[in-house]
Amino acid sequence: MKTKLASGMLCGFILCVGMIGAASADEAQPPIGLWYGQFSDGSGLSVLVGANGAGCYHPGGAEPVTGNWTWNPTSVGGILTLHYQRVGFRNRLYLSVTWVNPQTIILSDPYFRLTMHRR
């Protein structure tokens, strides 16, 4: 009885480990590159996600926010976090990214949702 229980537990553990490996293999990659989108009022937004970890968030007509980015992936996109310093304070800008295709993403935060294209 103990052997069957131990064997069942081992199989369950191996199955769980296998599922974790499979899940991580399906995680979305960060949107490396220069992206541009235009809002309905005609204003634009550029986002640069550099392969070297540098990033820039630049709404048209405003000062760009520059810093370093991190990526928390999901199966269809992830959360892009831009870490930057402004007026002596460390800040973070969180942006949700959903991949549409290799040339298109949907970028959103609590205030907007914008389709962006690779430049």
PDB file of N, CA and C in Angstrom:
ATOM      1  N   MET A   1       0.821  -1.188   0.000  1.00  0.00           N
ATOM      2  CA  MET A   1       0.000   0.000   0.000  1.00  0.00           C
ATOM      3  C   MET A   1       0.869   1.258   0.000  1.00  0.00           C
ATOM      4  N   LYS A   2       1.914   1.270   0.854  1.00  0.00           N
ATOM      5  CA  LYS A   2       2.796   2.426   0.918  1.00  0.00           C
ATOM      6  C   LYS A   2       3.537   2.607  -0.410  1.00  0.00           C
ATOM      7  N   THR A   3       3.902   1.502  -1.043  1.00  0.00           N
ATOM      8  CA  THR A   3       4.613   1.571  -2.316  1.00  0.00           C
ATOM      9  C   THR A   3       3.730   2.202  -3.384  1.00  0.00           C
ATOM     10  N   LYS A   4       2.450   1.813  -3.425  1.00  0.00           N
ATOM     11  CA  LYS A   4       1.531   2.391  -4.413  1.00  0.00           C
ATOM     12  C   LYS A   4       1.331   3.880  -4.159  1.00  0.00           C
ATOM     13  N   LEU A   5       1.207   4.261  -2.895  1.00  0.00           N
ATOM     14  CA  LEU A   5       1.023   5.663  -2.536  1.00  0.00           C
ATOM     15  C   LEU A   5       2.258   6.478  -2.927  1.00  0.00           C
ATOM     16  N   ALA A   6       3.435   5.978  -2.598  1.00  0.00           N
ATOM     17  CA  ALA A   6       4.679   6.677  -2.934  1.00  0.00           C
ATOM     18  C   ALA A   6       4.840   6.769  -4.445  1.00  0.00           C
ATOM     19  N   SER A   7       4.509   5.684  -5.136  1.00  0.00           N
ATOM     20  CA  SER A   7       4.604   5.667  -6.592  1.00  0.00           C
ATOM     21  C   SER A   7       3.638   6.687  -7.202  1.00  0.00           C
ATOM     22  N   GLY A   8       2.441   6.773  -6.675  1.00  0.00           N
ATOM     23  CA  GLY A   8       1.446   7.741  -7.157  1.00  0.00           C
ATOM     24  C   GLY A   8       1.892   9.169  -6.913  1.00  0.00           C
ATOM     25  N   MET A   9       2.480   9.414  -5.751  1.00  0.00           N
ATOM     26  CA  MET A   9       2.964  10.755  -5.432  1.00  0.00           C
ATOM     27  C   MET A   9       4.114  11.146  -6.361  1.00  0.00           C
ATOM     28  N   LEU A  10       5.004  10.206  -6.632  1.00  0.00           N
ATOM     29  CA  LEU A  10       6.121  10.468  -7.523  1.00  0.00           C
ATOM     30  C   LEU A  10       5.619  10.795  -8.929  1.00  0.00           C
ATOM     31  N   CYS A  11       4.654  10.022  -9.407  1.00  0.00           N
ATOM     32  CA  CYS A  11       4.089  10.276 -10.737  1.00  0.00           C
ATOM     33  C   CYS A  11       3.433  11.659 -10.784  1.00  0.00           C
ATOM     34  N   GLY A  12       2.721  12.013  -9.719  1.00  0.00           N
ATOM     35  CA  GLY A  12       2.087  13.328  -9.655  1.00  0.00           C
ATOM     36  C   GLY A  12       3.116  14.441  -9.681  1.00  0.00           C
ATOM     37  N   PHE A  13       4.215  14.250  -8.954  1.00  0.00           N
ATOM     38  CA  PHE A  13       5.282  15.246  -8.930  1.00  0.00           C
ATOM     39  C   PHE A  13       5.898  15.402 -10.316  1.00  0.00           C
ATOM     40  N   ILE A  14       6.186  14.297 -10.968  1.00  0.00           N
ATOM     41  CA  ILE A  14       6.784  14.340 -12.304  1.00  0.00           C
ATOM     42  C   ILE A  14       5.834  15.010 -13.288  1.00  0.00           C
ATOM     43  N   LEU A  15       4.544  14.727 -13.178  1.00  0.00           N
ATOM     44  CA  LEU A  15       3.547  15.338 -14.048  1.00  0.00           C
ATOM     45  C   LEU A  15       3.515  16.850 -13.842  1.00  0.00           C
ATOM     46  N   CYS A  16       3.542  17.293 -12.581  1.00  0.00           N
ATOM     47  CA  CYS A  16       3.534  18.736 -12.282  1.00  0.00           C
ATOM     48  C   CYS A  16       4.785  19.414 -12.825  1.00  0.00           C
ATOM     49  N   VAL A  17       5.938  18.817 -12.633  1.00  0.00           N
ATOM     50  CA  VAL A  17       7.178  19.390 -13.142  1.00  0.00           C
ATOM     51  C   VAL A  17       7.124  19.481 -14.662  1.00  0.00           C
ATOM     52  N   GLY A  18       6.601  18.468 -15.292  1.00  0.00           N
ATOM     53  CA  GLY A  18       6.463  18.477 -16.751  1.00  0.00           C
ATOM     54  C   GLY A  18       5.533  19.579 -17.217  1.00  0.00           C
ATOM     55  N   MET A  19       4.458  19.832 -16.491  1.00  0.00           N
ATOM     56  CA  MET A  19       3.516  20.883 -16.860  1.00  0.00           C
ATOM     57  C   MET A  19       4.154  22.258 -16.691  1.00  0.00           C
ATOM     58  N   ILE A  20       4.970  22.441 -15.666  1.00  0.00           N
ATOM     59  CA  ILE A  20       5.641  23.722 -15.459  1.00  0.00           C
ATOM     60  C   ILE A  20       6.584  23.994 -16.620  1.00  0.00           C
ATOM     61  N   GLY A  21       7.322  23.010 -17.035  1.00  0.00           N
ATOM     62  CA  GLY A  21       8.230  23.177 -18.169  1.00  0.00           C
ATOM     63  C   GLY A  21       7.476  23.506 -19.442  1.00  0.00           C
ATOM     64  N   ALA A  22       6.335  22.859 -19.656  1.00  0.00           N
ATOM     65  CA  ALA A  22       5.547  23.119 -20.855  1.00  0.00           C
ATOM     66  C   ALA A  22       4.975  24.527 -20.829  1.00  0.00           C
ATOM     67  N   ALA A  23       4.543  24.988 -19.674  1.00  0.00           N
ATOM     68  CA  ALA A  23       3.973  26.330 -19.580  1.00  0.00           C
ATOM     69  C   ALA A  23       5.015  27.390 -19.882  1.00  0.00           C
ATOM     70  N   SER A  24       6.214  27.234 -19.363  1.00  0.00           N
ATOM     71  CA  SER A  24       7.225  28.247 -19.596  1.00  0.00           C
ATOM     72  C   SER A  24       7.677  28.274 -21.056  1.00  0.00           C
ATOM     73  N   ALA A  25       7.570  27.165 -21.752  1.00  0.00           N
ATOM     74  CA  ALA A  25       7.956  27.125 -23.162  1.00  0.00           C
ATOM     75  C   ALA A  25       6.978  27.923 -24.020  1.00  0.00           C
ATOM     76  N   ASP A  26       5.740  28.119 -23.542  1.00  0.00           N
ATOM     77  CA  ASP A  26       4.719  28.818 -24.309  1.00  0.00           C
ATOM     78  C   ASP A  26       4.607  30.298 -23.945  1.00  0.00           C
ATOM     79  N   GLU A  27       5.511  30.813 -23.133  1.00  0.00           N
ATOM     80  CA  GLU A  27       5.430  32.207 -22.730  1.00  0.00           C
ATOM     81  C   GLU A  27       5.791  33.129 -23.886  1.00  0.00           C
ATOM     82  N   ALA A  28       5.095  34.250 -23.943  1.00  0.00           N
ATOM     83  CA  ALA A  28       5.334  35.228 -25.005  1.00  0.00           C
ATOM     84  C   ALA A  28       6.671  35.948 -24.798  1.00  0.00           C
ATOM     85  N   GLN A  29       7.292  36.279 -25.883  1.00  0.00           N
ATOM     86  CA  GLN A  29       8.556  37.015 -25.862  1.00  0.00           C
ATOM     87  C   GLN A  29       8.279  38.515 -25.727  1.00  0.00           C
ATOM     88  N   PRO A  30       9.235  39.286 -25.203  1.00  0.00           N
ATOM     89  CA  PRO A  30       9.030  40.736 -25.103  1.00  0.00           C
ATOM     90  C   PRO A  30       8.975  41.371 -26.491  1.00  0.00           C
ATOM     91  N   PRO A  31       8.289  42.492 -26.604  1.00  0.00           N
ATOM     92  CA  PRO A  31       8.129  43.150 -27.915  1.00  0.00           C
ATOM     93  C   PRO A  31       9.331  44.027 -28.269  1.00  0.00           C
ATOM     94  N   ILE A  32      10.461  43.397 -28.495  1.00  0.00           N
ATOM     95  CA  ILE A  32      11.684  44.125 -28.839  1.00  0.00           C
ATOM     96  C   ILE A  32      11.469  44.908 -30.128  1.00  0.00           C
ATOM     97  N   GLY A  33      11.845  46.174 -30.115  1.00  0.00           N
ATOM     98  CA  GLY A  33      11.729  46.991 -31.312  1.00  0.00           C
ATOM     99  C   GLY A  33      11.112  48.342 -31.020  1.00  0.00           C
ATOM    100  N   LEU A  34      10.869  49.095 -32.081  1.00  0.00           N
ATOM    101  CA  LEU A  34      10.235  50.404 -32.008  1.00  0.00           C
ATOM    102  C   LEU A  34       8.790  50.238 -32.468  1.00  0.00           C
ATOM    103  N   TRP A  35       7.857  50.711 -31.659  1.00  0.00           N
ATOM    104  CA  TRP A  35       6.422  50.557 -31.914  1.00  0.00           C
ATOM    105  C   TRP A  35       5.773  51.934 -31.974  1.00  0.00           C
ATOM    106  N   TYR A  36       4.761  52.055 -32.840  1.00  0.00           N
ATOM    107  CA  TYR A  36       4.042  53.321 -32.964  1.00  0.00           C
ATOM    108  C   TYR A  36       2.554  53.058 -33.110  1.00  0.00           C
ATOM    109  N   GLY A  37       1.772  53.895 -32.428  1.00  0.00           N
ATOM    110  CA  GLY A  37       0.324  53.832 -32.553  1.00  0.00           C
ATOM    111  C   GLY A  37      -0.255  55.227 -32.539  1.00  0.00           C
ATOM    112  N   GLN A  38      -1.445  55.369 -33.137  1.00  0.00           N
ATOM    113  CA  GLN A  38      -2.078  56.677 -33.197  1.00  0.00           C
ATOM    114  C   GLN A  38      -3.464  56.596 -32.578  1.00  0.00           C
ATOM    115  N   PHE A  39      -3.740  57.533 -31.660  1.00  0.00           N
ATOM    116  CA  PHE A  39      -5.038  57.613 -31.005  1.00  0.00           C
ATOM    117  C   PHE A  39      -6.059  58.246 -31.943  1.00  0.00           C
ATOM    118  N   SER A  40      -7.334  58.126 -31.606  1.00  0.00           N
ATOM    119  CA  SER A  40      -8.405  58.650 -32.457  1.00  0.00           C
ATOM    120  C   SER A  40      -8.348  60.174 -32.593  1.00  0.00           C
ATOM    121  N   ASP A  41      -7.725  60.880 -31.641  1.00  0.00           N
ATOM    122  CA  ASP A  41      -7.613  62.341 -31.739  1.00  0.00           C
ATOM    123  C   ASP A  41      -6.420  62.775 -32.598  1.00  0.00           C
ATOM    124  N   GLY A  42      -5.686  61.815 -33.161  1.00  0.00           N
ATOM    125  CA  GLY A  42      -4.553  62.122 -34.030  1.00  0.00           C
ATOM    126  C   GLY A  42      -3.208  62.141 -33.328  1.00  0.00           C
ATOM    127  N   SER A  43      -3.208  62.146 -31.995  1.00  0.00           N
ATOM    128  CA  SER A  43      -1.931  62.123 -31.281  1.00  0.00           C
ATOM    129  C   SER A  43      -1.328  60.725 -31.351  1.00  0.00           C
ATOM    130  N   GLY A  44      -0.008  60.655 -31.222  1.00  0.00           N
ATOM    131  CA  GLY A  44       0.671  59.376 -31.360  1.00  0.00           C
ATOM    132  C   GLY A  44       1.447  58.986 -30.121  1.00  0.00           C
ATOM    133  N   LEU A  45       1.835  57.737 -30.096  1.00  0.00           N
ATOM    134  CA  LEU A  45       2.641  57.193 -29.009  1.00  0.00           C
ATOM    135  C   LEU A  45       3.702  56.287 -29.616  1.00  0.00           C
ATOM    136  N   SER A  46       4.954  56.508 -29.226  1.00  0.00           N
ATOM    137  CA  SER A  46       6.059  55.644 -29.629  1.00  0.00           C
ATOM    138  C   SER A  46       6.587  54.938 -28.390  1.00  0.00           C
ATOM    139  N   VAL A  47       6.884  53.666 -28.538  1.00  0.00           N
ATOM    140  CA  VAL A  47       7.471  52.880 -27.457  1.00  0.00           C
ATOM    141  C   VAL A  47       8.655  52.128 -28.036  1.00  0.00           C
ATOM    142  N   LEU A  48       9.806  52.301 -27.390  1.00  0.00           N
ATOM    143  CA  LEU A  48      11.017  51.588 -27.787  1.00  0.00           C
ATOM    144  C   LEU A  48      11.345  50.568 -26.711  1.00  0.00           C
ATOM    145  N   VAL A  49      11.477  49.319 -27.117  1.00  0.00           N
ATOM    146  CA  VAL A  49      11.885  48.238 -26.219  1.00  0.00           C
ATOM    147  C   VAL A  49      13.191  47.707 -26.797  1.00  0.00           C
ATOM    148  N   GLY A  50      14.293  48.151 -26.227  1.00  0.00           N
ATOM    149  CA  GLY A  50      15.600  47.789 -26.752  1.00  0.00           C
ATOM    150  C   GLY A  50      16.047  46.406 -26.330  1.00  0.00           C
ATOM    151  N   ALA A  51      16.757  45.732 -27.218  1.00  0.00           N
ATOM    152  CA  ALA A  51      17.286  44.400 -26.911  1.00  0.00           C
ATOM    153  C   ALA A  51      18.310  44.453 -25.777  1.00  0.00           C
ATOM    154  N   ASN A  52      18.863  45.638 -25.517  1.00  0.00           N
ATOM    155  CA  ASN A  52      19.857  45.799 -24.460  1.00  0.00           C
ATOM    156  C   ASN A  52      19.224  46.148 -23.102  1.00  0.00           C
ATOM    157  N   GLY A  53      17.895  46.192 -23.032  1.00  0.00           N
ATOM    158  CA  GLY A  53      17.205  46.496 -21.778  1.00  0.00           C
ATOM    159  C   GLY A  53      16.810  47.946 -21.622  1.00  0.00           C
ATOM    160  N   ALA A  54      17.215  48.802 -22.555  1.00  0.00           N
ATOM    161  CA  ALA A  54      16.822  50.207 -22.498  1.00  0.00           C
ATOM    162  C   ALA A  54      15.419  50.367 -23.076  1.00  0.00           C
ATOM    163  N   GLY A  55      14.672  51.334 -22.549  1.00  0.00           N
ATOM    164  CA  GLY A  55      13.323  51.558 -23.035  1.00  0.00           C
ATOM    165  C   GLY A  55      12.958  53.021 -23.058  1.00  0.00           C
ATOM    166  N   CYS A  56      11.977  53.362 -23.892  1.00  0.00           N
ATOM    167  CA  CYS A  56      11.504  54.729 -24.004  1.00  0.00           C
ATOM    168  C   CYS A  56      10.005  54.713 -24.294  1.00  0.00           C
ATOM    169  N   TYR A  57       9.267  55.532 -23.571  1.00  0.00           N
ATOM    170  CA  TYR A  57       7.825  55.717 -23.750  1.00  0.00           C
ATOM    171  C   TYR A  57       7.648  57.183 -24.115  1.00  0.00           C
ATOM    172  N   HIS A  58       7.157  57.458 -25.340  1.00  0.00           N
ATOM    173  CA  HIS A  58       7.118  58.838 -25.803  1.00  0.00           C
ATOM    174  C   HIS A  58       5.762  59.190 -26.411  1.00  0.00           C
ATOM    175  N   PRO A  59       4.865  59.763 -25.588  1.00  0.00           N
ATOM    176  CA  PRO A  59       3.615  60.281 -26.143  1.00  0.00           C
ATOM    177  C   PRO A  59       3.911  61.547 -26.948  1.00  0.00           C
ATOM    178  N   GLY A  60       3.285  61.695 -28.113  1.00  0.00           N
ATOM    179  CA  GLY A  60       3.501  62.879 -28.925  1.00  0.00           C
ATOM    180  C   GLY A  60       3.204  64.145 -28.143  1.00  0.00           C
ATOM    181  N   GLY A  61       4.101  65.136 -28.262  1.00  0.00           N
ATOM    182  CA  GLY A  61       3.901  66.407 -27.594  1.00  0.00           C
ATOM    183  C   GLY A  61       4.310  66.425 -26.131  1.00  0.00           C
ATOM    184  N   ALA A  62       4.850  65.344 -25.622  1.00  0.00           N
ATOM    185  CA  ALA A  62       5.274  65.273 -24.219  1.00  0.00           C
ATOM    186  C   ALA A  62       6.733  64.853 -24.144  1.00  0.00           C
ATOM    187  N   GLU A  63       7.311  65.059 -22.992  1.00  0.00           N
ATOM    188  CA  GLU A  63       8.695  64.645 -22.776  1.00  0.00           C
ATOM    189  C   GLU A  63       8.765  63.117 -22.712  1.00  0.00           C
ATOM    190  N   PRO A  64       9.725  62.490 -23.388  1.00  0.00           N
ATOM    191  CA  PRO A  64       9.827  61.027 -23.325  1.00  0.00           C
ATOM    192  C   PRO A  64      10.255  60.552 -21.940  1.00  0.00           C
ATOM    193  N   VAL A  65       9.794  59.373 -21.606  1.00  0.00           N
ATOM    194  CA  VAL A  65      10.195  58.708 -20.367  1.00  0.00           C
ATOM    195  C   VAL A  65      11.180  57.618 -20.769  1.00  0.00           C
ATOM    196  N   THR A  66      12.406  57.681 -20.254  1.00  0.00           N
ATOM    197  CA  THR A  66      13.424  56.701 -20.608  1.00  0.00           C
ATOM    198  C   THR A  66      13.917  55.982 -19.370  1.00  0.00           C
ATOM    199  N   GLY A  67      14.312  54.740 -19.556  1.00  0.00           N
ATOM    200  CA  GLY A  67      14.828  53.944 -18.456  1.00  0.00           C
ATOM    201  C   GLY A  67      15.141  52.539 -18.921  1.00  0.00           C
ATOM    202  N   ASN A  68      14.986  51.595 -18.033  1.00  0.00           N
ATOM    203  CA  ASN A  68      15.205  50.178 -18.348  1.00  0.00           C
ATOM    204  C   ASN A  68      13.897  49.434 -18.176  1.00  0.00           C
ATOM    205  N   TRP A  69      13.716  48.384 -18.969  1.00  0.00           N
ATOM    206  CA  TRP A  69      12.470  47.639 -18.907  1.00  0.00           C
ATOM    207  C   TRP A  69      12.684  46.227 -18.377  1.00  0.00           C
ATOM    208  N   THR A  70      11.604  45.678 -17.821  1.00  0.00           N
ATOM    209  CA  THR A  70      11.541  44.262 -17.461  1.00  0.00           C
ATOM    210  C   THR A  70      10.272  43.701 -18.084  1.00  0.00           C
ATOM    211  N   TRP A  71      10.228  42.380 -18.196  1.00  0.00           N
ATOM    212  CA  TRP A  71       9.132  41.694 -18.890  1.00  0.00           C
ATOM    213  C   TRP A  71       8.596  40.573 -18.015  1.00  0.00           C
ATOM    214  N   ASN A  72       7.299  40.561 -17.797  1.00  0.00           N
ATOM    215  CA  ASN A  72       6.619  39.466 -17.091  1.00  0.00           C
ATOM    216  C   ASN A  72       5.655  38.827 -18.079  1.00  0.00           C
ATOM    217  N   PRO A  73       6.051  37.695 -18.681  1.00  0.00           N
ATOM    218  CA  PRO A  73       5.285  37.116 -19.785  1.00  0.00           C
ATOM    219  C   PRO A  73       4.030  36.365 -19.358  1.00  0.00           C
ATOM    220  N   THR A  74       3.100  36.293 -20.306  1.00  0.00           N
ATOM    221  CA  THR A  74       1.936  35.419 -20.232  1.00  0.00           C
ATOM    222  C   THR A  74       1.957  34.600 -21.522  1.00  0.00           C
ATOM    223  N   SER A  75       0.915  33.870 -21.788  1.00  0.00           N
ATOM    224  CA  SER A  75       0.894  33.065 -23.012  1.00  0.00           C
ATOM    225  C   SER A  75       0.642  33.909 -24.259  1.00  0.00           C
ATOM    226  N   VAL A  76       0.011  35.084 -24.121  1.00  0.00           N
ATOM    227  CA  VAL A  76      -0.325  35.911 -25.295  1.00  0.00           C
ATOM    228  C   VAL A  76       0.331  37.278 -25.279  1.00  0.00           C
ATOM    229  N   GLY A  77       1.147  37.559 -24.301  1.00  0.00           N
ATOM    230  CA  GLY A  77       1.785  38.858 -24.174  1.00  0.00           C
ATOM    231  C   GLY A  77       2.484  38.946 -22.838  1.00  0.00           C
ATOM    232  N   GLY A  78       2.214  40.027 -22.131  1.00  0.00           N
ATOM    233  CA  GLY A  78       2.812  40.173 -20.815  1.00  0.00           C
ATOM    234  C   GLY A  78       2.706  41.591 -20.309  1.00  0.00           C
ATOM    235  N   ILE A  79       3.386  41.840 -19.208  1.00  0.00           N
ATOM    236  CA  ILE A  79       3.444  43.171 -18.627  1.00  0.00           C
ATOM    237  C   ILE A  79       4.851  43.723 -18.842  1.00  0.00           C
ATOM    238  N   LEU A  80       4.907  44.823 -19.559  1.00  0.00           N
ATOM    239  CA  LEU A  80       6.146  45.531 -19.795  1.00  0.00           C
ATOM    240  C   LEU A  80       6.240  46.618 -18.722  1.00  0.00           C
ATOM    241  N   THR A  81       7.301  46.585 -17.945  1.00  0.00           N
ATOM    242  CA  THR A  81       7.489  47.582 -16.895  1.00  0.00           C
ATOM    243  C   THR A  81       8.703  48.431 -17.240  1.00  0.00           C
ATOM    244  N   LEU A  82       8.482  49.734 -17.343  1.00  0.00           N
ATOM    245  CA  LEU A  82       9.572  50.663 -17.600  1.00  0.00           C
ATOM    246  C   LEU A  82       9.974  51.281 -16.270  1.00  0.00           C
ATOM    247  N   HIS A  83      11.212  51.049 -15.867  1.00  0.00           N
ATOM    248  CA  HIS A  83      11.767  51.579 -14.621  1.00  0.00           C
ATOM    249  C   HIS A  83      12.536  52.843 -14.987  1.00  0.00           C
ATOM    250  N   TYR A  84      12.138  53.971 -14.395  1.00  0.00           N
ATOM    251  CA  TYR A  84      12.782  55.237 -14.734  1.00  0.00           C
ATOM    252  C   TYR A  84      12.909  56.125 -13.503  1.00  0.00           C
ATOM    253  N   GLN A  85      13.730  57.147 -13.628  1.00  0.00           N
ATOM    254  CA  GLN A  85      13.942  58.074 -12.526  1.00  0.00           C
ATOM    255  C   GLN A  85      13.519  59.465 -12.974  1.00  0.00           C
ATOM    256  N   ARG A  86      12.741  60.109 -12.150  1.00  0.00           N
ATOM    257  CA  ARG A  86      12.263  61.453 -12.462  1.00  0.00           C
ATOM    258  C   ARG A  86      12.235  62.265 -11.175  1.00  0.00           C
ATOM    259  N   VAL A  87      12.832  63.420 -11.184  1.00  0.00           N
ATOM    260  CA  VAL A  87      12.878  64.339 -10.048  1.00  0.00           C
ATOM    261  C   VAL A  87      13.377  63.617  -8.787  1.00  0.00           C
ATOM    262  N   GLY A  88      14.379  62.783  -8.957  1.00  0.00           N
ATOM    263  CA  GLY A  88      14.983  62.104  -7.820  1.00  0.00           C
ATOM    264  C   GLY A  88      14.228  60.891  -7.304  1.00  0.00           C
ATOM    265  N   PHE A  89      13.101  60.545  -7.912  1.00  0.00           N
ATOM    266  CA  PHE A  89      12.312  59.398  -7.469  1.00  0.00           C
ATOM    267  C   PHE A  89      12.374  58.280  -8.496  1.00  0.00           C
ATOM    268  N   ARG A  90      12.458  57.058  -8.005  1.00  0.00           N
ATOM    269  CA  ARG A  90      12.356  55.886  -8.881  1.00  0.00           C
ATOM    270  C   ARG A  90      10.883  55.609  -9.137  1.00  0.00           C
ATOM    271  N   ASN A  91      10.559  55.423 -10.384  1.00  0.00           N
ATOM    272  CA  ASN A  91       9.164  55.197 -10.782  1.00  0.00           C
ATOM    273  C   ASN A  91       9.072  53.976 -11.682  1.00  0.00           C
ATOM    274  N   ARG A  92       7.852  53.503 -11.859  1.00  0.00           N
ATOM    275  CA  ARG A  92       7.581  52.383 -12.770  1.00  0.00           C
ATOM    276  C   ARG A  92       6.331  52.697 -13.580  1.00  0.00           C
ATOM    277  N   LEU A  93       6.407  52.388 -14.856  1.00  0.00           N
ATOM    278  CA  LEU A  93       5.273  52.519 -15.750  1.00  0.00           C
ATOM    279  C   LEU A  93       4.915  51.109 -16.205  1.00  0.00           C
ATOM    280  N   TYR A  94       3.704  50.661 -15.884  1.00  0.00           N
ATOM    281  CA  TYR A  94       3.265  49.306 -16.226  1.00  0.00           C
ATOM    282  C   TYR A  94       2.369  49.357 -17.454  1.00  0.00           C
ATOM    283  N   LEU A  95       2.723  48.560 -18.458  1.00  0.00           N
ATOM    284  CA  LEU A  95       1.961  48.506 -19.696  1.00  0.00           C
ATOM    285  C   LEU A  95       1.644  47.054 -20.041  1.00  0.00           C
ATOM    286  N   SER A  96       0.399  46.797 -20.328  1.00  0.00           N
ATOM    287  CA  SER A  96      -0.012  45.461 -20.746  1.00  0.00           C
ATOM    288  C   SER A  96       0.183  45.337 -22.257  1.00  0.00           C
ATOM    289  N   VAL A  97       0.796  44.228 -22.662  1.00  0.00           N
ATOM    290  CA  VAL A  97       1.061  43.978 -24.079  1.00  0.00           C
ATOM    291  C   VAL A  97       0.373  42.679 -24.486  1.00  0.00           C
ATOM    292  N   THR A  98      -0.365  42.734 -25.582  1.00  0.00           N
ATOM    293  CA  THR A  98      -0.966  41.536 -26.176  1.00  0.00           C
ATOM    294  C   THR A  98      -0.481  41.450 -27.618  1.00  0.00           C
ATOM    295  N   TRP A  99       0.147  40.328 -27.956  1.00  0.00           N
ATOM    296  CA  TRP A  99       0.610  40.123 -29.327  1.00  0.00           C
ATOM    297  C   TRP A  99      -0.578  39.830 -30.229  1.00  0.00           C
ATOM    298  N   VAL A 100      -0.665  40.512 -31.364  1.00  0.00           N
ATOM    299  CA  VAL A 100      -1.666  40.239 -32.391  1.00  0.00           C
ATOM    300  C   VAL A 100      -1.012  39.398 -33.488  1.00  0.00           C
ATOM    301  N   ASN A 101       0.157  39.849 -33.929  1.00  0.00           N
ATOM    302  CA  ASN A 101       0.993  39.135 -34.890  1.00  0.00           C
ATOM    303  C   ASN A 101       2.410  39.689 -34.729  1.00  0.00           C
ATOM    304  N   PRO A 102       3.396  39.194 -35.457  1.00  0.00           N
ATOM    305  CA  PRO A 102       4.776  39.670 -35.248  1.00  0.00           C
ATOM    306  C   PRO A 102       4.990  41.166 -35.478  1.00  0.00           C
ATOM    307  N   GLN A 103       4.090  41.829 -36.181  1.00  0.00           N
ATOM    308  CA  GLN A 103       4.228  43.256 -36.479  1.00  0.00           C
ATOM    309  C   GLN A 103       3.235  44.138 -35.727  1.00  0.00           C
ATOM    310  N   THR A 104       2.363  43.548 -34.904  1.00  0.00           N
ATOM    311  CA  THR A 104       1.293  44.304 -34.252  1.00  0.00           C
ATOM    312  C   THR A 104       1.107  43.848 -32.812  1.00  0.00           C
ATOM    313  N   ILE A 105       0.993  44.826 -31.905  1.00  0.00           N
ATOM    314  CA  ILE A 105       0.662  44.546 -30.512  1.00  0.00           C
ATOM    315  C   ILE A 105      -0.483  45.471 -30.097  1.00  0.00           C
ATOM    316  N   ILE A 106      -1.155  45.086 -29.027  1.00  0.00           N
ATOM    317  CA  ILE A 106      -2.108  45.977 -28.384  1.00  0.00           C
ATOM    318  C   ILE A 106      -1.482  46.359 -27.054  1.00  0.00           C
ATOM    319  N   LEU A 107      -1.310  47.652 -26.849  1.00  0.00           N
ATOM    320  CA  LEU A 107      -0.715  48.187 -25.640  1.00  0.00           C
ATOM    321  C   LEU A 107      -1.825  48.836 -24.830  1.00  0.00           C
ATOM    322  N   SER A 108      -1.873  48.550 -23.537  1.00  0.00           N
ATOM    323  CA  SER A 108      -2.921  49.150 -22.722  1.00  0.00           C
ATOM    324  C   SER A 108      -2.452  49.367 -21.293  1.00  0.00           C
ATOM    325  N   ASP A 109      -3.135  50.273 -20.644  1.00  0.00           N
ATOM    326  CA  ASP A 109      -2.993  50.501 -19.213  1.00  0.00           C
ATOM    327  C   ASP A 109      -4.411  50.816 -18.719  1.00  0.00           C
ATOM    328  N   PRO A 110      -4.592  51.209 -17.484  1.00  0.00           N
ATOM    329  CA  PRO A 110      -5.977  51.463 -17.037  1.00  0.00           C
ATOM    330  C   PRO A 110      -6.688  52.593 -17.784  1.00  0.00           C
ATOM    331  N   TYR A 111      -5.958  53.439 -18.527  1.00  0.00           N
ATOM    332  CA  TYR A 111      -6.573  54.609 -19.151  1.00  0.00           C
ATOM    333  C   TYR A 111      -6.727  54.541 -20.660  1.00  0.00           C
ATOM    334  N   PHE A 112      -6.032  53.630 -21.321  1.00  0.00           N
ATOM    335  CA  PHE A 112      -6.146  53.555 -22.774  1.00  0.00           C
ATOM    336  C   PHE A 112      -5.834  52.154 -23.275  1.00  0.00           C
ATOM    337  N   ARG A 113      -6.208  51.949 -24.536  1.00  0.00           N
ATOM    338  CA  ARG A 113      -5.920  50.713 -25.273  1.00  0.00           C
ATOM    339  C   ARG A 113      -5.582  51.152 -26.697  1.00  0.00           C
ATOM    340  N   LEU A 114      -4.396  50.747 -27.170  1.00  0.00           N
ATOM    341  CA  LEU A 114      -3.920  51.247 -28.461  1.00  0.00           C
ATOM    342  C   LEU A 114      -3.271  50.134 -29.265  1.00  0.00           C
ATOM    343  N   THR A 115      -3.667  50.026 -30.523  1.00  0.00           N
ATOM    344  CA  THR A 115      -3.005  49.096 -31.437  1.00  0.00           C
ATOM    345  C   THR A 115      -1.748  49.775 -31.951  1.00  0.00           C
ATOM    346  N   MET A 116      -0.628  49.057 -31.835  1.00  0.00           N
ATOM    347  CA  MET A 116       0.658  49.605 -32.243  1.00  0.00           C
ATOM    348  C   MET A 116       1.305  48.682 -33.289  1.00  0.00           C
ATOM    349  N   HIS A 117       2.058  49.318 -34.182  1.00  0.00           N
ATOM    350  CA  HIS A 117       2.721  48.575 -35.254  1.00  0.00           C
ATOM    351  C   HIS A 117       4.229  48.791 -35.155  1.00  0.00           C
ATOM    352  N   ARG A 118       4.957  47.743 -35.525  1.00  0.00           N
ATOM    353  CA  ARG A 118       6.413  47.798 -35.515  1.00  0.00           C
ATOM    354  C   ARG A 118       6.891  48.776 -36.585  1.00  0.00           C
ATOM    355  N   ARG A 119       7.870  49.587 -36.239  1.00  0.00           N
ATOM    356  CA  ARG A 119       8.455  50.554 -37.176  1.00  0.00           C
ATOM    357  C   ARG A 119       9.751  50.020 -37.718  1.00  0.00           C
TER     358      ARG A 119
END
